[in-house]
Each structure stands twice: as C-alpha cells, then as structure tokens.
Amino acid sequence: MLIADEFYLISHDDSRGRAKLHPTAAGIGLAAGLLGELVLLGQITVSGGQVSVVDRRPPADDLAHTVLDQLVGEPEPQAVRTWLGILARSAAASVAQRLARAGVLSPRESRRLLRTTVTYVPLDLNAVAWPATRLRALLDRPEPPTAPDALLLGLVCAAGLTRELLWSVDPSAHHRLDVLVPALPTPLRELVAHTEAAVGAAVLRGIS
C-alpha cells in the first residue's frame, strides 16, 4: 500500500470512514504523502523549500501520474508549502478513490438539502486497521524502519496523529519515533518539516 493510502486509513475511523483530523490538516498530510511517493520513486526532490522534478517519465500509478503532471506543468520549481496547499484541496477525494479502486473502500452517496456528498466506508475492517497496527509494531522493534515507513511515521505525527498512533506502544517507542525523522534523507526530512509547519499554520489560523 502506498504512503498516502496508509495515511488516509490511519487518519480515518476504522468502521465509518469518518476523518479523525480537520479536513485541512488531513488534506495537507495526504498532499505530503502524494509528494513523498514521488520522492521515493526518484521523480521529484525537495531541497531548500522547493519541489523540483528530476524524472518526467510517467509512474505506473494513475494518481501519482496525475500529480507529476501537475508538477511538470509549472515552468519553475515551486515551494513545498505551495504544492501542499494546492494538492490538499483534492487529495482526500483522490486518495479515497484510489483506495476504492483497490477494493479497500466503497463510496456511499447521500443527498441532503439538494446536495449530494460522497463518503468512503471500509469494505474490510482488518485491512483498514492494518496500517496503524503495523506502524505500532515497527516502533516496538529495535530495527530501524525503511525510509517509506519512517516517512509515513513522520507525516502521521506532523499532521497531529501522534497520540492516535502511540496509544498502546512501549515507552521506548516514543524515543525511537523522535530519532526517525532526523535520520531521513534530506528531501524526505524537509517534506515532513514543511508538512508540520503547514499544519501548524492552519491551526493558528483557527481551522474549525
């Protein structure tokens, strides 16, 4: 499962699909996950607060392809915070649709006051609960996690889900978590830092 997919499942309720975060914070975290997927594929990099495309070949995943096309469409590198804001607007719906195509979630339409809304509910509760369970297990082990898992842990915490993740882990896991992000490769470390700053700025603006 890809970074943004796992972030989505961790940040939503296991049974009803309701978000555990404010939509703005969730959107920023998901946007960072989508950028992180492209960093891990070696198609973009993050340096000095900017996102730069280094490989324009289309990735296999349709959503990653769409995001890369957006990045390629800009003549000059743009700031990480700019892209987080742009991608956050549609990230939740896009990632939910990807999970629906994978058979993890199912869309449900509801109509209220002449407006139709779509929510995504789990098809398999075990599959939905697995990402958080897996990350907690990783933190209980002495071996360092892979870069994708360390990035996911960093983004989960940057978005404000630390308590949600760590509720049942050994106290030593808190220390492991504290040293994971500083050990990430520079592009991923910057991405996590900008994500945390963007979520923090949104909180200060009084998201409600």
Protein backbone atom coordinates (compact mmCIF):
# COMPACT_ATOMS: atom_id res chain seq x y z
CA MET A 1 0.00 0.00 0.00
CA LEU A 2 1.29 3.47 -0.89
CA ILE A 3 2.19 6.25 1.58
CA ALA A 4 -0.88 8.44 1.05
CA ASP A 5 -3.19 5.40 1.14
CA GLU A 6 -1.88 4.32 4.53
CA PHE A 7 -2.04 7.89 5.83
CA TYR A 8 -5.68 8.08 4.75
CA LEU A 9 -6.58 4.89 6.59
CA ILE A 10 -4.74 5.93 9.75
CA SER A 11 -6.43 9.34 9.72
CA HIS A 12 -9.96 7.94 9.29
CA ASP A 13 -12.22 5.90 11.54
CA ASP A 14 -11.94 2.14 11.07
CA SER A 15 -15.66 1.44 10.81
CA ARG A 16 -17.47 4.53 9.48
CA GLY A 17 -14.72 6.18 7.46
CA ARG A 18 -15.01 9.47 9.35
CA ALA A 19 -11.92 11.69 9.47
CA LYS A 20 -10.05 11.93 12.76
CA LEU A 21 -8.46 15.21 11.67
CA HIS A 22 -9.83 18.53 10.49
CA PRO A 23 -10.15 18.35 6.67
CA THR A 24 -7.43 20.97 6.22
CA ALA A 25 -4.89 19.04 8.31
CA ALA A 26 -5.87 15.76 6.68
CA GLY A 27 -5.55 17.31 3.23
CA ILE A 28 -2.08 18.65 3.97
CA GLY A 29 -0.94 15.27 5.30
CA LEU A 30 -2.33 13.47 2.26
CA ALA A 31 -0.75 16.01 -0.10
CA ALA A 32 2.59 15.39 1.60
CA GLY A 33 2.05 11.66 1.20
CA LEU A 34 1.49 12.08 -2.53
CA LEU A 35 4.66 14.17 -2.86
CA GLY A 36 6.54 11.64 -0.74
CA GLU A 37 5.54 8.84 -3.09
CA LEU A 38 7.17 10.71 -5.97
CA VAL A 39 10.30 11.44 -3.92
CA LEU A 40 10.63 7.74 -3.10
CA LEU A 41 10.22 6.90 -6.79
CA GLY A 42 13.09 9.28 -7.59
CA GLN A 43 10.90 11.50 -9.76
CA ILE A 44 10.98 14.66 -7.67
CA THR A 45 13.18 16.05 -4.97
CA VAL A 46 12.73 18.58 -2.19
CA SER A 47 15.57 20.98 -1.47
CA GLY A 48 15.74 24.44 0.03
CA GLY A 49 11.99 24.50 0.46
CA GLN A 50 11.37 23.89 -3.26
CA VAL A 51 9.96 20.93 -5.17
CA SER A 52 11.84 20.06 -8.36
CA VAL A 53 11.06 17.40 -10.97
CA VAL A 54 14.06 15.21 -11.79
CA ASP A 55 12.39 12.44 -13.82
CA ARG A 56 9.40 13.18 -16.06
CA ARG A 57 8.66 9.59 -17.02
CA PRO A 58 5.08 8.73 -16.00
CA PRO A 59 4.82 6.48 -12.93
CA ALA A 60 2.68 3.35 -13.09
CA ASP A 61 0.13 4.59 -10.56
CA ASP A 62 -2.56 6.80 -12.11
CA LEU A 63 -2.79 9.23 -9.21
CA ALA A 64 0.99 9.60 -8.97
CA HIS A 65 0.98 10.24 -12.73
CA THR A 66 -1.64 12.98 -12.30
CA VAL A 67 0.32 14.67 -9.51
CA LEU A 68 3.55 14.51 -11.50
CA ASP A 69 1.79 16.10 -14.49
CA GLN A 70 0.75 18.99 -12.25
CA LEU A 71 4.33 19.48 -11.11
CA VAL A 72 5.71 19.24 -14.64
CA GLY A 73 3.17 21.82 -15.80
CA GLU A 74 4.90 24.56 -13.81
CA PRO A 75 7.80 26.20 -15.69
CA GLU A 76 9.76 26.84 -12.48
CA PRO A 77 10.13 24.90 -9.22
CA GLN A 78 7.51 25.89 -6.65
CA ALA A 79 7.69 25.97 -2.87
CA VAL A 80 6.77 22.85 -0.92
CA ARG A 81 4.17 24.83 1.01
CA THR A 82 2.61 25.97 -2.27
CA TRP A 83 2.22 22.41 -3.52
CA LEU A 84 0.91 21.21 -0.18
CA GLY A 85 -1.80 23.84 -0.37
CA ILE A 86 -2.70 23.05 -3.98
CA LEU A 87 -2.75 19.28 -3.63
CA ALA A 88 -4.55 19.38 -0.27
CA ARG A 89 -7.72 20.64 -1.96
CA SER A 90 -8.37 17.35 -3.76
CA ALA A 91 -6.06 14.89 -2.00
CA ALA A 92 -8.69 13.28 0.25
CA ALA A 93 -11.07 12.54 -2.63
CA SER A 94 -8.28 11.39 -4.93
CA VAL A 95 -6.73 9.01 -2.42
CA ALA A 96 -10.13 7.67 -1.35
CA GLN A 97 -10.92 6.94 -4.99
CA ARG A 98 -7.60 5.11 -5.36
CA LEU A 99 -8.43 3.01 -2.30
CA ALA A 100 -11.89 2.32 -3.74
CA ARG A 101 -10.33 1.12 -6.99
CA ALA A 102 -8.12 -1.18 -4.90
CA GLY A 103 -11.18 -2.65 -3.17
CA VAL A 104 -10.35 -1.25 0.27
CA LEU A 105 -13.10 1.40 0.48
CA SER A 106 -16.54 1.75 -1.03
CA PRO A 107 -18.19 5.07 -1.97
CA ARG A 108 -21.56 5.89 -0.44
CA GLU A 109 -23.69 8.76 -1.72
CA SER A 110 -26.02 10.76 0.50
CA ARG A 111 -28.29 13.61 -0.50
CA ARG A 112 -29.11 16.45 1.87
CA LEU A 113 -30.55 19.88 1.09
CA LEU A 114 -30.23 19.37 -2.66
CA ARG A 115 -26.56 18.49 -2.27
CA THR A 116 -25.03 15.09 -2.89
CA THR A 117 -21.99 14.11 -0.85
CA VAL A 118 -19.81 11.04 -1.15
CA THR A 119 -18.24 9.27 1.81
CA TYR A 120 -15.98 6.24 1.69
CA VAL A 121 -16.57 3.37 4.05
CA PRO A 122 -14.34 0.35 4.69
CA LEU A 123 -15.01 -2.94 2.96
CA ASP A 124 -12.54 -4.88 5.12
CA LEU A 125 -12.04 -3.65 8.69
CA ASN A 126 -8.83 -5.63 9.09
CA ALA A 127 -7.29 -4.05 6.01
CA VAL A 128 -8.28 -0.58 7.17
CA ALA A 129 -6.86 -1.08 10.66
CA TRP A 130 -3.65 -2.68 9.45
CA PRO A 131 -1.51 0.43 8.68
CA ALA A 132 -1.73 1.82 12.24
CA THR A 133 -1.22 -1.64 13.74
CA ARG A 134 1.79 -2.21 11.51
CA LEU A 135 3.42 1.10 12.44
CA ARG A 136 2.95 0.47 16.16
CA ALA A 137 4.60 -2.93 15.72
CA LEU A 138 7.53 -1.31 13.91
CA LEU A 139 8.09 1.10 16.77
CA ASP A 140 8.25 -1.79 19.22
CA ARG A 141 11.17 -3.33 17.31
CA PRO A 142 14.81 -2.31 17.72
CA GLU A 143 15.48 -2.43 13.96
CA PRO A 144 15.10 0.90 12.13
CA PRO A 145 12.15 1.06 9.72
CA THR A 146 12.52 1.52 5.99
CA ALA A 147 12.52 5.03 4.55
CA PRO A 148 8.87 4.78 3.38
CA ASP A 149 7.75 3.66 6.84
CA ALA A 150 9.83 6.34 8.56
CA LEU A 151 8.32 8.94 6.23
CA LEU A 152 4.80 7.72 7.00
CA LEU A 153 5.51 7.88 10.73
CA GLY A 154 6.84 11.42 10.32
CA LEU A 155 3.80 12.58 8.35
CA VAL A 156 1.36 10.99 10.79
CA CYS A 157 2.99 12.88 13.65
CA ALA A 158 3.34 16.12 11.64
CA ALA A 159 -0.39 16.07 10.97
CA GLY A 160 -1.25 15.69 14.66
CA LEU A 161 -1.94 11.97 14.97
CA THR A 162 0.87 11.07 17.38
CA ARG A 163 -1.48 10.19 20.25
CA GLU A 164 -3.63 8.12 17.92
CA LEU A 165 -0.58 6.14 16.81
CA LEU A 166 1.23 5.68 20.13
CA TRP A 167 -1.62 4.84 22.49
CA SER A 168 -0.52 1.21 23.01
CA VAL A 169 3.25 1.18 22.42
CA ASP A 170 6.12 0.66 24.82
CA PRO A 171 7.57 3.93 26.23
CA SER A 172 10.83 3.29 24.38
CA ALA A 173 8.90 3.62 21.11
CA HIS A 174 8.49 7.33 21.80
CA HIS A 175 12.27 7.72 21.77
CA ARG A 176 12.56 5.76 18.53
CA LEU A 177 9.98 7.99 16.92
CA ASP A 178 11.91 11.10 17.99
CA VAL A 179 15.03 9.98 16.13
CA LEU A 180 13.40 8.65 12.96
CA VAL A 181 12.66 11.89 11.14
CA PRO A 182 16.11 13.47 11.71
CA ALA A 183 17.60 10.30 10.18
CA LEU A 184 15.55 10.53 6.97
CA PRO A 185 17.21 11.53 3.69
CA THR A 186 17.20 15.31 3.29
CA PRO A 187 14.30 15.56 0.78
CA LEU A 188 12.02 13.47 2.98
CA ARG A 189 13.13 15.25 6.15
CA GLU A 190 12.32 18.61 4.55
CA LEU A 191 8.95 17.33 3.39
CA VAL A 192 8.00 16.29 6.93
CA ALA A 193 9.18 19.61 8.36
CA HIS A 194 7.16 21.65 5.85
CA THR A 195 4.13 19.46 6.47
CA GLU A 196 4.31 20.09 10.20
CA ALA A 197 4.75 23.82 9.60
CA ALA A 198 1.77 23.93 7.21
CA VAL A 199 -0.48 22.09 9.66
CA GLY A 200 0.71 24.35 12.47
CA ALA A 201 -0.05 27.46 10.40
CA ALA A 202 -3.52 26.14 9.65
CA VAL A 203 -4.15 25.62 13.36
CA LEU A 204 -3.01 29.15 14.13
CA ARG A 205 -5.43 30.46 11.52
CA GLY A 206 -8.16 28.81 13.57
CA ILE A 207 -9.34 25.98 11.34
CA SER A 208 -12.71 24.77 12.52
